[in-house]
C-alpha atoms as a PDB file:
ATOM      1  CA  MET A   1       0.000   0.000   0.000  1.00  0.00           C
ATOM      2  CA  ASP A   2       1.240   3.504  -0.840  1.00  0.00           C
ATOM      3  CA  MET A   3       2.225   5.735   2.062  1.00  0.00           C
ATOM      4  CA  LEU A   4       1.566   9.474   2.211  1.00  0.00           C
ATOM      5  CA  HIS A   5       4.053  11.841   3.860  1.00  0.00           C
ATOM      6  CA  ILE A   6       2.226  14.794   5.392  1.00  0.00           C
ATOM      7  CA  GLU A   7       3.552  17.658   7.499  1.00  0.00           C
ATOM      8  CA  LYS A   8       1.023  19.754   9.416  1.00  0.00           C
ATOM      9  CA  THR A   9       1.618  22.816  11.587  1.00  0.00           C
ATOM     10  CA  TYR A  10      -0.722  23.489  14.508  1.00  0.00           C
ATOM     11  CA  SER A  11      -0.845  26.705  16.517  1.00  0.00           C
ATOM     12  CA  SER A  12      -2.203  27.472  19.996  1.00  0.00           C
ATOM     13  CA  PHE A  13      -2.056  23.859  21.182  1.00  0.00           C
ATOM     14  CA  ASP A  14       0.239  22.408  23.819  1.00  0.00           C
ATOM     15  CA  ARG A  15       2.566  19.629  22.698  1.00  0.00           C
ATOM     16  CA  GLU A  16       1.261  17.573  25.606  1.00  0.00           C
ATOM     17  CA  GLU A  17      -2.220  17.506  24.021  1.00  0.00           C
ATOM     18  CA  PHE A  18      -0.840  15.769  20.931  1.00  0.00           C
ATOM     19  CA  LEU A  19       1.287  13.393  22.995  1.00  0.00           C
ATOM     20  CA  GLU A  20      -1.813  12.317  24.949  1.00  0.00           C
ATOM     21  CA  TYR A  21      -3.933  11.990  21.788  1.00  0.00           C
ATOM     22  CA  PHE A  22      -1.459   9.768  19.932  1.00  0.00           C
ATOM     23  CA  ASN A  23      -0.621   7.789  23.068  1.00  0.00           C
ATOM     24  CA  GLU A  24      -4.316   6.794  23.213  1.00  0.00           C
ATOM     25  CA  LYS A  25      -4.406   5.968  19.468  1.00  0.00           C
ATOM     26  CA  GLY A  26      -1.237   3.875  19.150  1.00  0.00           C
ATOM     27  CA  ARG A  27       2.102   2.794  20.582  1.00  0.00           C
ATOM     28  CA  ASN A  28       4.485   5.313  22.103  1.00  0.00           C
ATOM     29  CA  LEU A  29       7.913   4.718  20.539  1.00  0.00           C
ATOM     30  CA  GLY A  30       9.567   7.483  22.583  1.00  0.00           C
ATOM     31  CA  ASN A  31      10.844  10.955  21.727  1.00  0.00           C
ATOM     32  CA  GLY A  32       7.455  12.093  20.407  1.00  0.00           C
ATOM     33  CA  LYS A  33       7.110   9.212  17.930  1.00  0.00           C
ATOM     34  CA  PHE A  34       3.949   7.110  17.795  1.00  0.00           C
ATOM     35  CA  ALA A  35       2.747   4.279  15.567  1.00  0.00           C
ATOM     36  CA  GLY A  36      -0.480   2.444  14.916  1.00  0.00           C
ATOM     37  CA  LYS A  37      -1.884   0.189  12.234  1.00  0.00           C
ATOM     38  CA  GLY A  38      -0.973   1.921   8.973  1.00  0.00           C
ATOM     39  CA  TRP A  39       0.448   5.130  10.438  1.00  0.00           C
ATOM     40  CA  GLU A  40       3.400   6.766  12.214  1.00  0.00           C
ATOM     41  CA  VAL A  41       3.576  10.289  13.630  1.00  0.00           C
ATOM     42  CA  ILE A  42       6.387  12.413  15.027  1.00  0.00           C
ATOM     43  CA  VAL A  43       5.214  15.243  17.288  1.00  0.00           C
ATOM     44  CA  GLY A  44       7.733  18.071  16.989  1.00  0.00           C
ATOM     45  CA  ASP A  45       8.858  20.509  19.646  1.00  0.00           C
ATOM     46  CA  GLU A  46       6.951  23.712  20.315  1.00  0.00           C
ATOM     47  CA  PHE A  47       8.183  26.922  18.684  1.00  0.00           C
ATOM     48  CA  MET A  48       6.920  30.486  18.380  1.00  0.00           C
ATOM     49  CA  ARG A  49       5.461  31.555  15.031  1.00  0.00           C
ATOM     50  CA  MET A  50       4.507  35.106  14.154  1.00  0.00           C
ATOM     51  CA  VAL A  51       1.197  35.682  12.391  1.00  0.00           C
ATOM     52  CA  GLY A  52       1.315  39.350  11.567  1.00  0.00           C
ATOM     53  CA  ALA A  53       2.282  41.044  14.827  1.00  0.00           C
ATOM     54  CA  PHE A  54       1.006  38.200  17.009  1.00  0.00           C
ATOM     55  CA  PRO A  55       3.164  35.351  18.349  1.00  0.00           C
ATOM     56  CA  PHE A  56       1.578  31.894  18.489  1.00  0.00           C
ATOM     57  CA  LYS A  57       2.873  28.755  20.138  1.00  0.00           C
ATOM     58  CA  SER A  58       3.125  26.195  17.320  1.00  0.00           C
ATOM     59  CA  LEU A  59       4.361  22.687  16.557  1.00  0.00           C
ATOM     60  CA  LYS A  60       4.712  20.422  13.559  1.00  0.00           C
ATOM     61  CA  LEU A  61       3.439  16.898  13.054  1.00  0.00           C
ATOM     62  CA  LYS A  62       5.224  14.635  10.595  1.00  0.00           C
ATOM     63  CA  ILE A  63       2.741  12.006   9.484  1.00  0.00           C
ATOM     64  CA  LEU A  64       3.313   8.833   7.502  1.00  0.00           C
ATOM     65  CA  VAL A  65      -0.021   7.155   6.739  1.00  0.00           C
ATOM     66  CA  GLU A  66      -1.293   4.487   4.361  1.00  0.00           C
ATOM     67  CA  GLU A  67      -3.259   6.033   1.533  1.00  0.00           C
ATOM     68  CA  GLY A  68      -6.268   3.798   2.207  1.00  0.00           C
ATOM     69  CA  ILE A  69      -6.779   5.106   5.748  1.00  0.00           C
ATOM     70  CA  SER A  70      -5.472   8.646   5.291  1.00  0.00           C
ATOM     71  CA  GLU A  71      -8.868  10.376   4.946  1.00  0.00           C
ATOM     72  CA  ASP A  72     -10.280   8.806   8.121  1.00  0.00           C
ATOM     73  CA  PHE A  73      -7.023   9.337  10.020  1.00  0.00           C
ATOM     74  CA  LEU A  74      -6.814  13.027   9.093  1.00  0.00           C
ATOM     75  CA  GLU A  75     -10.537  13.641   9.665  1.00  0.00           C
ATOM     76  CA  ASP A  76     -10.290  12.200  13.185  1.00  0.00           C
ATOM     77  CA  LEU A  77      -7.216  14.354  13.856  1.00  0.00           C
ATOM     78  CA  ARG A  78      -8.998  17.484  12.569  1.00  0.00           C
ATOM     79  CA  LYS A  79     -12.078  16.840  14.694  1.00  0.00           C
ATOM     80  CA  SER A  80     -10.008  16.158  17.798  1.00  0.00           C
ATOM     81  CA  PHE A  81      -8.154  19.470  17.483  1.00  0.00           C
ATOM     82  CA  LEU A  82     -10.967  21.670  16.193  1.00  0.00           C
ATOM     83  CA  ARG A  83     -11.455  24.822  18.216  1.00  0.00           C
ATOM     84  CA  GLY A  84     -13.668  27.778  17.660  1.00  0.00           C
ATOM     85  CA  GLY A  85     -13.269  31.285  18.884  1.00  0.00           C
ATOM     86  CA  GLY A  86     -15.126  34.495  18.823  1.00  0.00           C
END
């Protein structure tokens, strides 16, 4: 099965939130790396990113996922880290 390499940047989330999420979904391989059936993720370190004049805490996820499960995997990730504001 073909694997997709995806890199996503998230802002305004704590790294710990992603570590907990992926720890519940798969095996913790240490150093921010997790794996499950058909996927692997590396949770990067937090860094500050400027959006205009505003600094935001950010981090990157490096995702390797089988093409056949990628839509469901990414949809679940999106829903789990969806936040609204106003």
